[in-house]
Amino acid sequence: MKYIIKNGRIILPDEILSNSSLLISDGKIEKIIPDGQQISGDYEEIDAKGMYVSPGFVDIHQHGGAGYDYMDSDEDAFYKILNIHLLHGTTSVMPTSLSSDTLGLERTIDSYKKAKKDERIKTNLLGLHFEGPYLSGNQAGAQRADKLRNFIPEEYEHIIEYADGEIARWSVAPELDGVEGFAKACNDNGIVLSIAHSDADFDTVVKAYDMGFRHITHLYSAMSTITRRGGFRVAGVLEAAYYIDDMNVEIIADGCHIPPTLLKYVTKFKNYDNIALITDAIRPAGTDIKEGFSGSEDNKTPIIVEDGVAKLLSREAFAGSIATANRLVRTMLGIGVPMVEAIKMATINPLKMMNITLKKGKIEEGYDADICIFDDDVNVKYVFSNGNKVSG
């Protein structure tokens, strides 16, 4: 199918083009042409009516949505979750697990492999992201403490082999005993290392960086900061994230996990190119669900939804977000981040951070035609995935 998208403001990596049209052909971006230029061929015309024409969003940390979780045994879970986020502009996803036993991780791998063959799914699957189970009990957050454990070489080596190349990223706490062996196993298998739910001190993070940890999972959530030991202040993961210039950070920019004031702080002291927007979305995302649970049926954490976020029943901590990617972009625009930079945080940056070299994440000739069209309030009106119109 061929499309011509007219009358839109086309978002490129360094500018926004007006008075131009976008041609899509055979699933690819064919070219950008000035308005009025004659074209030959049978193109279906899409009138963007002055709205923004953006690359499709990329979410590298997403647990669920539409009432489902990626760790569910339900064969429709992946389809339902991916479809609800697709309607909000997310065309590429890294499905994410919660801490579980070995069987639960194996089951998630099995579900992922089946999803890759599911012809109903139009979203690009970028590989699995395992969040845990090798996390700090002191920084468990919404992760179930009884599922956390130290590194077990026999377990993670088995999981890596069982996944057969499908694990793209693994988030762990680097202060746990045995991290060196784990890091080597991941590096040897092309798995991106990320620091998460960690009580590490500053020096431990620096050592982890030298082992290949280049990414911080959900900055500000479930991580150490300045503490006192015998009266002396000791810096933590948060301070190291700012200190190491090329350490990448991802932020849940729903306006709740990190309020606008702190988002301004992040964007002032971290280079825009080292920031990725993530939803960290759980079951209620894209729905009106007000209470329920996160995780799978046999690995539940009860939650409630209020004030635009999921919370533990005690209301003492958040339990995950209910955001879709367009909400993240809207939040960043609201704190003054330029449109071009906000879109890079939701497209180019996460792909680069995950070492993904697919031709995705920007509008450029020859790239995959993953496109979303949205209005000034970032309400998504049209979505294209690999050149196929899936919404609008």
Foldseek 3Di string as FASTA:
>chain_A
DKAKEAQEFEFFLPHTDGQWIWIDDQQFTADIGGPPDDDDDDHHYHYLNHFYKAFFFEAEAAQAEPQAGLLALDLCGVVNGQVLLVLLRHQEYAHEAAQDPLVSLLSSLVSVVVVVVDPSHQHHYDAHEYEDLAADLVLCFLGDSVRHDADDVVRVVVSLVSSPLRALEYEHAQVGPPNLVVLVVCVVNNHQYEYALYAAFLVSVVVVVVSRHQEYEAAPHNWHAWDDDPRDTTGTPNVNCLVPQRRAYEHQQLCPSQNLVVVVVCPVRHPLLRYAYHQSAFYHASHPAAWDFGHYPVRTQTWGDDPQFIPHPVNPGGNGGNDHLLSSLLSVVVSPDDNSSSLCNRFVRVCVSSVHDAQGRGNDRPRRPFIWTAHPNSRTAWTARSRRTPGD
